[in-house]
Protein backbone atom coordinates (compact mmCIF):
# COMPACT_ATOMS: atom_id res chain seq x y z
CA MET A 1 -45.17 -75.52 30.88
CA HIS A 2 -42.81 -77.85 32.73
CA THR A 3 -40.31 -76.04 34.94
CA GLU A 4 -38.21 -78.89 36.34
CA THR A 5 -35.11 -77.83 34.40
CA LEU A 6 -35.85 -74.12 33.93
CA ILE A 7 -33.25 -72.89 36.41
CA LEU A 8 -30.70 -75.41 35.14
CA GLU A 9 -31.16 -74.20 31.56
CA ILE A 10 -30.77 -70.57 32.63
CA GLY A 11 -27.63 -71.51 34.53
CA ILE A 12 -26.20 -73.28 31.48
CA ALA A 13 -27.02 -70.33 29.24
CA VAL A 14 -25.44 -67.77 31.55
CA GLY A 15 -22.43 -70.04 32.14
CA LEU A 16 -21.81 -70.45 28.41
CA VAL A 17 -22.15 -66.71 27.83
CA ALA A 18 -19.64 -66.08 30.63
CA LEU A 19 -17.26 -68.69 29.17
CA VAL A 20 -17.17 -67.17 25.69
CA GLY A 21 -16.83 -63.73 27.30
CA ILE A 22 -13.69 -64.93 29.07
CA ILE A 23 -12.34 -66.32 25.80
CA ALA A 24 -13.08 -63.02 24.01
CA ASN A 25 -11.25 -61.03 26.67
CA LYS A 26 -8.26 -63.38 26.50
CA LEU A 27 -8.14 -62.85 22.74
CA ARG A 28 -8.72 -59.09 23.25
CA PHE A 29 -11.76 -59.11 20.96
CA SER A 30 -15.16 -57.54 21.46
CA VAL A 31 -17.47 -59.91 23.33
CA ILE A 32 -20.48 -59.07 21.14
CA PRO A 33 -19.75 -61.45 18.21
CA PHE A 34 -18.88 -64.22 20.67
CA PHE A 35 -22.23 -63.84 22.47
CA ILE A 36 -24.05 -64.01 19.12
CA LEU A 37 -22.05 -67.00 17.87
CA ILE A 38 -22.61 -69.12 20.98
CA GLY A 39 -26.34 -68.47 20.64
CA MET A 40 -26.26 -69.49 16.97
CA ALA A 41 -24.31 -72.65 17.81
CA LEU A 42 -27.10 -73.77 20.14
CA GLY A 43 -30.88 -73.49 19.77
CA ASP A 44 -33.20 -75.70 17.74
CA HIS A 45 -30.46 -77.74 16.03
CA ALA A 46 -28.40 -78.38 19.21
CA PRO A 47 -28.40 -81.78 20.94
CA GLN A 48 -30.03 -82.76 24.23
CA ILE A 49 -27.65 -84.65 26.51
CA GLY A 50 -29.53 -86.24 29.38
CA ILE A 51 -31.07 -83.46 31.43
CA ILE A 52 -28.93 -80.86 29.64
CA ASP A 53 -31.13 -79.34 26.94
CA LEU A 54 -29.00 -77.11 24.72
CA GLN A 55 -32.10 -76.17 22.75
CA PHE A 56 -33.33 -74.31 25.86
CA THR A 57 -36.88 -75.54 25.25
CA GLU A 58 -38.27 -74.50 28.62
CA SER A 59 -36.20 -71.38 29.20
CA LYS A 60 -36.41 -69.86 25.69
CA PRO A 61 -39.31 -67.48 26.55
CA PHE A 62 -37.47 -66.35 29.68
CA ILE A 63 -34.20 -65.85 27.77
CA ASP A 64 -36.11 -63.84 25.15
CA PHE A 65 -37.57 -61.68 27.93
CA MET A 66 -34.10 -61.07 29.36
CA GLY A 67 -33.03 -60.04 25.87
CA ARG A 68 -35.92 -57.61 25.76
CA LEU A 69 -34.80 -56.14 29.07
CA GLY A 70 -31.31 -55.89 27.56
CA VAL A 71 -32.62 -53.54 24.87
CA LEU A 72 -34.26 -51.34 27.52
CA PHE A 73 -31.12 -51.14 29.64
CA LEU A 74 -28.87 -50.45 26.63
CA LEU A 75 -31.07 -47.56 25.47
CA PHE A 76 -31.60 -46.30 29.03
CA TYR A 77 -27.85 -46.19 29.61
CA LEU A 78 -27.37 -44.50 26.24
CA GLY A 79 -29.74 -41.78 27.42
CA LEU A 80 -27.85 -41.39 30.69
CA GLU A 81 -24.58 -40.79 28.82
CA PHE A 82 -26.03 -38.51 26.16
CA SER A 83 -25.97 -34.75 26.67
CA VAL A 84 -27.46 -32.17 24.32
CA GLY A 85 -25.29 -29.55 26.02
CA ARG A 86 -22.14 -31.53 25.28
CA LEU A 87 -23.21 -32.00 21.66
CA ILE A 88 -23.73 -28.25 21.27
CA LYS A 89 -20.47 -27.48 23.06
CA SER A 90 -18.54 -29.87 20.82
CA GLY A 91 -18.70 -27.26 18.10
CA LYS A 92 -19.55 -26.97 14.44
CA SER A 93 -16.68 -29.21 13.36
CA ILE A 94 -18.10 -32.27 15.12
CA VAL A 95 -21.68 -31.44 14.12
CA SER A 96 -20.53 -31.11 10.50
CA GLY A 97 -18.49 -34.32 10.70
CA GLY A 98 -21.34 -36.14 12.42
CA SER A 99 -23.80 -34.97 9.76
CA ILE A 100 -21.58 -36.27 6.98
CA TYR A 101 -21.13 -39.55 8.87
CA VAL A 102 -24.89 -40.07 9.16
CA ILE A 103 -25.59 -38.99 5.56
CA LEU A 104 -22.89 -41.21 4.01
CA ASN A 105 -23.93 -44.28 6.01
CA PHE A 106 -27.63 -43.66 5.40
CA VAL A 107 -27.05 -43.31 1.66
CA SER A 108 -24.96 -46.50 1.79
CA GLY A 109 -27.99 -48.23 3.30
CA LEU A 110 -30.19 -46.91 0.51
CA LEU A 111 -27.69 -48.18 -2.06
CA ILE A 112 -27.43 -51.68 -0.56
CA GLY A 113 -31.20 -51.85 -0.08
CA TRP A 114 -31.75 -50.87 -3.71
CA LEU A 115 -29.24 -53.46 -4.93
CA MET A 116 -30.99 -56.10 -2.80
CA ASN A 117 -34.34 -55.00 -4.26
CA LEU A 118 -35.85 -54.53 -0.80
CA PRO A 119 -39.24 -52.89 -0.17
CA PHE A 120 -39.25 -49.42 1.39
CA ALA A 121 -39.78 -50.54 5.01
CA GLU A 122 -36.97 -53.10 4.87
CA MET A 123 -34.75 -50.51 3.20
CA MET A 124 -35.33 -48.06 6.06
CA ILE A 125 -34.43 -50.77 8.59
CA LEU A 126 -31.27 -51.45 6.59
CA CYS A 127 -30.38 -47.74 6.67
CA GLY A 128 -30.71 -47.78 10.44
CA ILE A 129 -28.56 -50.90 10.71
CA MET A 130 -25.78 -49.40 8.60
CA THR A 131 -25.82 -45.98 10.29
CA SER A 132 -25.74 -47.12 13.93
CA SER A 133 -22.20 -47.40 15.29
CA SER A 134 -21.51 -49.54 18.36
CA THR A 135 -20.84 -47.33 21.38
CA ALA A 136 -19.76 -50.36 23.43
CA ILE A 137 -17.14 -51.53 20.92
CA VAL A 138 -15.84 -48.02 20.21
CA ALA A 139 -15.36 -47.28 23.92
CA LYS A 140 -13.60 -50.61 24.51
CA VAL A 141 -11.28 -50.19 21.51
CA LEU A 142 -10.24 -46.67 22.49
CA THR A 143 -9.52 -47.80 26.04
CA ASP A 144 -7.66 -50.98 25.07
CA LEU A 145 -5.48 -49.12 22.53
CA LYS A 146 -4.83 -46.34 25.07
CA ARG A 147 -5.99 -43.67 22.64
CA THR A 148 -8.30 -41.85 25.03
CA ALA A 149 -5.82 -38.96 25.27
CA ASN A 150 -5.49 -38.59 21.49
CA PRO A 151 -7.00 -35.44 19.95
CA GLU A 152 -9.12 -37.44 17.49
CA THR A 153 -10.87 -39.23 20.37
CA GLU A 154 -12.88 -36.11 21.22
CA VAL A 155 -14.01 -35.98 17.59
CA ILE A 156 -14.96 -39.67 17.67
CA MET A 157 -16.98 -39.32 20.88
CA GLY A 158 -18.69 -36.21 19.51
CA MET A 159 -19.65 -38.06 16.33
CA ILE A 160 -20.91 -40.96 18.46
CA MET A 161 -23.20 -38.51 20.28
CA PHE A 162 -24.46 -37.22 16.94
CA ASP A 163 -25.10 -40.81 15.85
CA ASP A 164 -27.00 -41.39 19.11
CA LEU A 165 -29.29 -38.50 18.13
CA PHE A 166 -29.89 -40.16 14.77
CA ILE A 167 -30.71 -43.47 16.50
CA ALA A 168 -33.41 -41.78 18.58
CA MET A 169 -34.94 -40.03 15.58
CA HIS A 170 -34.80 -43.08 13.31
CA ILE A 171 -36.36 -45.42 15.87
CA SER A 172 -39.23 -42.94 16.24
CA PHE A 173 -39.69 -42.97 12.46
CA LEU A 174 -39.57 -46.76 12.33
CA SER A 175 -42.21 -46.89 15.06
CA GLY A 176 -44.64 -45.32 12.63
CA LEU A 177 -43.44 -47.16 9.56
CA VAL A 178 -43.04 -50.70 10.91
CA LEU A 179 -44.65 -51.22 14.30
CA THR A 180 -48.07 -49.95 13.18
CA GLY A 181 -48.14 -52.45 10.34
CA GLY A 182 -47.50 -49.89 7.64
CA GLY A 183 -50.87 -48.59 6.46
CA SER A 184 -51.46 -45.29 4.71
CA PHE A 185 -49.00 -42.45 4.49
CA TRP A 186 -50.98 -40.49 7.07
CA THR A 187 -50.95 -43.41 9.52
CA VAL A 188 -47.18 -43.72 9.24
CA ALA A 189 -46.65 -39.96 9.42
CA GLY A 190 -49.04 -39.64 12.37
CA THR A 191 -47.32 -42.35 14.41
CA SER A 192 -43.86 -40.99 13.58
CA LEU A 193 -44.91 -37.48 14.60
CA LEU A 194 -46.46 -38.92 17.76
CA ALA A 195 -43.11 -40.52 18.60
CA LEU A 196 -41.24 -37.27 17.94
CA GLY A 197 -43.83 -35.33 19.94
CA PHE A 198 -43.48 -37.83 22.78
CA ILE A 199 -39.71 -37.26 22.76
CA LEU A 200 -39.98 -33.45 22.80
CA ILE A 201 -42.78 -33.25 25.38
CA PHE A 202 -41.14 -35.80 27.63
CA LEU A 203 -37.81 -33.98 27.46
CA ILE A 204 -39.37 -30.59 28.21
CA LEU A 205 -41.58 -31.83 31.06
CA GLY A 206 -38.98 -34.27 32.30
CA ARG A 207 -36.30 -31.61 32.67
CA LYS A 208 -38.70 -29.53 34.75
CA LEU A 209 -39.41 -32.55 36.96
CA VAL A 210 -35.73 -33.30 37.61
CA PRO A 211 -35.63 -31.30 40.91
CA PHE A 212 -38.69 -33.23 42.12
CA ILE A 213 -37.15 -36.54 41.03
CA ASP A 214 -33.92 -35.63 42.83
CA LYS A 215 -35.87 -35.12 46.05
CA ILE A 216 -37.33 -38.61 45.70
CA LEU A 217 -33.88 -40.01 44.94
CA SER A 218 -32.31 -38.43 48.01
CA VAL A 219 -32.49 -41.70 49.93
CA LYS A 220 -29.54 -43.52 51.45
CA SER A 221 -31.03 -46.96 50.90
CA SER A 222 -29.65 -48.52 47.71
CA GLU A 223 -32.67 -50.83 47.65
CA ILE A 224 -35.17 -47.96 47.52
CA PHE A 225 -32.97 -45.99 45.11
CA ILE A 226 -32.80 -48.78 42.53
CA LEU A 227 -36.54 -49.51 42.85
CA ILE A 228 -37.30 -45.88 42.02
CA ILE A 229 -34.97 -45.91 39.00
CA PHE A 230 -36.28 -49.23 37.65
CA GLY A 231 -39.87 -48.19 38.30
CA LEU A 232 -39.38 -45.03 36.26
CA LEU A 233 -37.63 -46.94 33.46
CA PHE A 234 -40.30 -49.62 33.07
CA LEU A 235 -43.25 -47.24 33.49
CA VAL A 236 -42.00 -44.86 30.79
CA ALA A 237 -41.01 -47.70 28.43
CA GLY A 238 -44.31 -49.49 29.01
CA PHE A 239 -46.38 -46.33 28.53
CA SER A 240 -44.61 -45.51 25.26
CA GLU A 241 -45.51 -48.97 23.95
CA THR A 242 -49.20 -48.38 24.69
CA ILE A 243 -49.22 -45.33 22.39
CA HIS A 244 -47.47 -47.29 19.59
CA VAL A 245 -44.07 -45.75 20.25
CA ALA A 246 -41.22 -48.27 20.51
CA GLU A 247 -40.51 -49.15 24.14
CA ALA A 248 -36.83 -48.53 23.36
CA ILE A 249 -37.68 -44.84 22.80
CA GLY A 250 -39.33 -44.72 26.23
CA ALA A 251 -36.23 -46.22 27.83
CA LEU A 252 -34.04 -43.72 26.00
CA MET A 253 -36.22 -40.82 27.15
CA ALA A 254 -36.09 -41.98 30.78
CA GLY A 255 -32.29 -42.00 30.53
CA LEU A 256 -32.16 -38.56 28.91
CA VAL A 257 -34.23 -37.04 31.72
CA LEU A 258 -32.18 -38.65 34.49
CA ALA A 259 -28.96 -37.52 32.75
CA ASP A 260 -29.62 -34.09 34.30
CA SER A 261 -30.03 -35.49 37.81
CA GLN A 262 -27.49 -34.62 40.48
CA TYR A 263 -27.39 -38.36 41.22
CA ILE A 264 -26.31 -39.30 37.68
CA LYS A 265 -23.08 -40.99 38.81
CA ARG A 266 -24.91 -43.09 41.38
CA ILE A 267 -27.52 -44.05 38.78
CA GLU A 268 -24.84 -45.08 36.26
CA GLN A 269 -22.96 -47.14 38.84
CA ILE A 270 -26.10 -49.03 39.85
CA VAL A 271 -27.49 -49.53 36.34
CA SER A 272 -24.21 -50.49 34.63
CA PRO A 273 -24.06 -54.13 35.87
CA TYR A 274 -27.67 -54.71 34.82
CA LYS A 275 -26.92 -53.19 31.41
CA ASP A 276 -23.93 -55.49 31.01
CA TYR A 277 -25.76 -58.64 32.12
CA PHE A 278 -29.02 -58.15 30.26
CA GLY A 279 -27.11 -56.73 27.28
CA ALA A 280 -25.11 -59.96 27.08
CA MET A 281 -28.33 -62.00 27.25
CA PHE A 282 -29.78 -59.82 24.51
CA PHE A 283 -26.98 -60.80 22.11
CA PHE A 284 -27.24 -64.44 23.19
CA SER A 285 -31.01 -64.41 22.70
CA PHE A 286 -30.55 -62.84 19.28
CA GLY A 287 -28.09 -65.58 18.34
CA LEU A 288 -30.55 -68.27 19.50
CA SER A 289 -33.17 -66.88 17.11
CA ILE A 290 -30.87 -67.25 14.08
CA ASP A 291 -30.60 -70.44 12.04
CA PRO A 292 -26.99 -70.58 10.80
CA PHE A 293 -28.13 -72.48 7.70
CA SER A 294 -30.27 -69.49 6.68
CA LEU A 295 -27.31 -67.13 6.37
CA SER A 296 -26.07 -68.25 2.97
CA GLY A 297 -28.25 -65.78 1.08
CA ALA A 298 -27.00 -62.86 3.18
CA ILE A 299 -23.26 -63.56 3.29
CA MET A 300 -22.47 -61.76 0.04
CA TRP A 301 -24.64 -58.72 0.82
CA GLY A 302 -23.37 -58.51 4.39
CA ALA A 303 -19.76 -58.55 3.20
CA ILE A 304 -20.43 -55.93 0.50
CA ALA A 305 -22.24 -53.73 3.02
CA ALA A 306 -19.35 -54.05 5.49
CA LEU A 307 -16.88 -52.96 2.80
CA VAL A 308 -19.09 -50.03 1.79
CA THR A 309 -19.40 -49.03 5.47
CA ILE A 310 -15.62 -48.98 5.96
CA ILE A 311 -15.08 -46.91 2.80
CA GLY A 312 -17.87 -44.50 3.73
CA ASN A 313 -16.54 -44.10 7.26
CA LEU A 314 -13.04 -43.38 5.98
CA ALA A 315 -14.57 -40.61 3.89
CA SER A 316 -16.48 -39.23 6.90
CA GLY A 317 -13.29 -39.52 8.97
CA TYR A 318 -11.46 -37.45 6.36
CA PHE A 319 -14.02 -34.65 6.50
CA ALA A 320 -14.27 -34.80 10.32
CA SER A 321 -10.49 -34.52 10.75
CA ARG A 322 -10.39 -31.68 8.25
CA PHE A 323 -13.20 -29.77 9.99
CA ALA A 324 -11.51 -30.29 13.37
CA GLY A 325 -8.11 -29.14 12.07
CA LEU A 326 -6.45 -32.50 12.75
CA LYS A 327 -3.75 -34.22 10.72
CA LYS A 328 -4.92 -36.17 7.69
CA LYS A 329 -3.66 -39.47 9.10
CA THR A 330 -6.21 -39.23 11.93
CA SER A 331 -8.94 -39.75 9.32
CA PHE A 332 -8.08 -43.47 9.35
CA ASP A 333 -8.26 -43.54 13.16
CA ILE A 334 -11.71 -41.94 13.08
CA GLY A 335 -13.06 -43.92 10.14
CA PHE A 336 -11.95 -47.37 11.26
CA THR A 337 -13.03 -46.78 14.87
CA LEU A 338 -16.54 -45.69 13.88
CA SER A 339 -16.95 -48.67 11.52
CA ALA A 340 -17.73 -51.03 14.41
CA ARG A 341 -21.32 -52.24 14.44
CA GLY A 342 -23.10 -54.04 17.27
CA GLU A 343 -25.93 -53.48 19.71
CA PHE A 344 -27.87 -50.70 17.97
CA SER A 345 -27.73 -52.35 14.54
CA ILE A 346 -29.29 -55.47 16.07
CA ILE A 347 -31.94 -53.36 17.85
CA MET A 348 -32.86 -51.85 14.47
CA ALA A 349 -33.14 -55.35 12.95
CA ASN A 350 -35.33 -56.50 15.86
CA ILE A 351 -37.75 -53.67 15.11
CA GLY A 352 -38.08 -55.14 11.63
CA LYS A 353 -38.65 -58.60 13.12
CA ALA A 354 -41.35 -57.23 15.45
CA GLY A 355 -43.04 -55.68 12.41
CA GLY A 356 -43.01 -58.99 10.51
CA LEU A 357 -40.67 -57.77 7.78
CA ASN A 358 -38.56 -59.90 5.43
CA PRO A 359 -36.40 -62.38 7.46
CA ILE A 360 -33.43 -61.57 5.22
CA ILE A 361 -32.91 -58.51 7.44
CA GLN A 362 -32.10 -60.76 10.42
CA SER A 363 -29.67 -62.86 8.40
CA PHE A 364 -28.07 -59.75 6.93
CA VAL A 365 -27.48 -58.06 10.29
CA VAL A 366 -25.82 -61.21 11.69
CA VAL A 367 -23.25 -61.33 8.89
CA TYR A 368 -22.81 -57.55 8.82
CA VAL A 369 -22.33 -57.16 12.58
CA LEU A 370 -20.05 -60.18 12.92
CA ILE A 371 -17.74 -58.89 10.18
CA LEU A 372 -17.48 -55.33 11.46
CA ALA A 373 -17.41 -56.23 15.17
CA ILE A 374 -14.31 -58.34 14.45
CA ILE A 375 -12.63 -56.44 11.60
CA ALA A 376 -13.15 -52.82 12.75
CA PRO A 377 -11.12 -53.15 16.01
CA ILE A 378 -8.28 -54.83 14.09
CA LEU A 379 -8.26 -52.09 11.45
CA THR A 380 -8.37 -49.46 14.21
CA LYS A 381 -5.34 -50.99 15.89
CA GLU A 382 -3.40 -50.93 12.61
CA SER A 383 -4.84 -47.63 11.34
CA ARG A 384 -1.57 -45.67 11.42
CA ASN A 385 0.41 -48.53 9.86
CA ILE A 386 -2.20 -48.81 7.10
CA TRP A 387 -1.98 -45.04 6.52
CA HIS A 388 1.81 -45.09 6.29
CA GLY A 389 1.70 -48.23 4.17
CA ILE A 390 -0.50 -46.44 1.61
CA PHE A 391 0.90 -42.91 1.76
CA GLY A 392 4.45 -43.65 2.96
CA GLY A 393 6.29 -42.51 6.07
CA GLY A 394 7.23 -45.83 7.70
CA LEU A 395 5.57 -47.67 10.52
CA TYR A 396 3.64 -45.74 13.13
CA ALA A 397 5.50 -45.01 16.36
CA LYS A 398 3.22 -44.45 19.32
CA ASP A 399 3.29 -40.97 20.80
CA LYS A 400 4.03 -40.91 24.50
CA GLN A 401 0.98 -39.20 25.94
CA PRO A 402 -0.58 -39.41 29.37
CA VAL A 403 -3.43 -41.89 29.21
CA LYS A 404 -6.84 -40.65 30.29
CA THR A 405 -9.90 -42.77 30.84
CA LEU A 406 -13.08 -42.20 28.87
CA GLU A 407 -14.78 -41.43 32.17
CA ALA A 408 -12.29 -38.60 32.79
CA LEU A 409 -12.88 -37.16 29.33
CA GLU A 410 -16.65 -37.30 29.82
CA ALA A 411 -16.36 -35.73 33.28
CA ASN A 412 -14.26 -32.86 31.91
CA SER A 413 -16.74 -32.35 29.09
CA LYS A 414 -19.68 -32.31 31.48
CA ASN A 415 -17.93 -29.89 33.83
CA SER A 416 -17.13 -27.58 30.94
CA SER A 417 -20.73 -27.72 29.79
CA LYS A 418 -21.89 -26.87 33.31
CA VAL A 419 -19.52 -23.89 33.49
CA ASP A 420 -20.81 -22.62 30.15
CA VAL A 421 -24.42 -22.94 31.29
CA ASP A 422 -23.71 -21.26 34.63
CA GLY A 423 -21.82 -18.50 32.90
CA ASN A 424 -24.71 -17.86 30.52
CA ASN A 425 -27.10 -17.75 33.42
């Protein structure tokens, strides 16, 4: 392979991703659809201008590998932020609301899959796509709209945690169903149970090893610290792949174990830039793999699925607000906010691609994610006005509340969980 322009191509790719990111921030939109669109605009059908190859012929394998690392860092960071203790502490109202959210979206996936006449494996991928909310977009929207102090935000974050639990379980199921090439019922069931067993055993043993890991991490050198963290991440993800469990599950498990470390804040601070960079390259790489001319057959289904998702999430928002004792109008806040789709929907679709499933899944997820990544934040911003427009009461006037950051809310939740645990002990 010729490498004369490899670095130049990587530089162009990263520069273009940064450029559209700047544009997205100026327009106050999520960067995710912009990263996907710039990838789709280039690739195989793009021109070559002198030494500037916008098809990224030489660098495509390297860009794909960076996208693969993006998946690992996204799932690893998800594990770092997830807490079983916080989910339990959040109470029955959020667990009930989260259950309804997952059930309604999963059933919506079954409905759309049935209407599209998809085989069972593709239908299960579709269910995962339609049930996986975008943590990145939700967090950004809540921060940008200064709603982090609102009472419904705790419900939203609790339901996001519940959805995270579903993502872990569903990926383990898909590992058996798709990544093993299908096979008999017992093959699928055996691989799925292996994935679930891997999760449980790793969590149990991992939590016992946390004190030992903390001793290793008690180094002042940032260089050694990050080498230990990355070594653990790649070893666990790589090992999980060797036993036919998705490497994403391994990355998630590594994050879940380190979430109990006393160095969690230091880990998050170091990992976050890598998650952001490789996550951006993941979306760009995904866009490069999509032929825009192949989307025509998925536009209608993607739009219908997006509409069904919004309606289903409004219903789950209604039940969640009712269970939590909130005002009815907050159901629109919850429903519209949780309608955003992004990174985890694409990860689900990539599992289908790795398993050689129908390419319509890739085209579908592009249309579906682009619609909801753009529309959901707009609907969230206007949620109260939409409520009052439908049910009366005039335009929404913003309540004057002290603004808290999501980090502050998470810190308070973690501290409360720690007090509860210490008190029980």
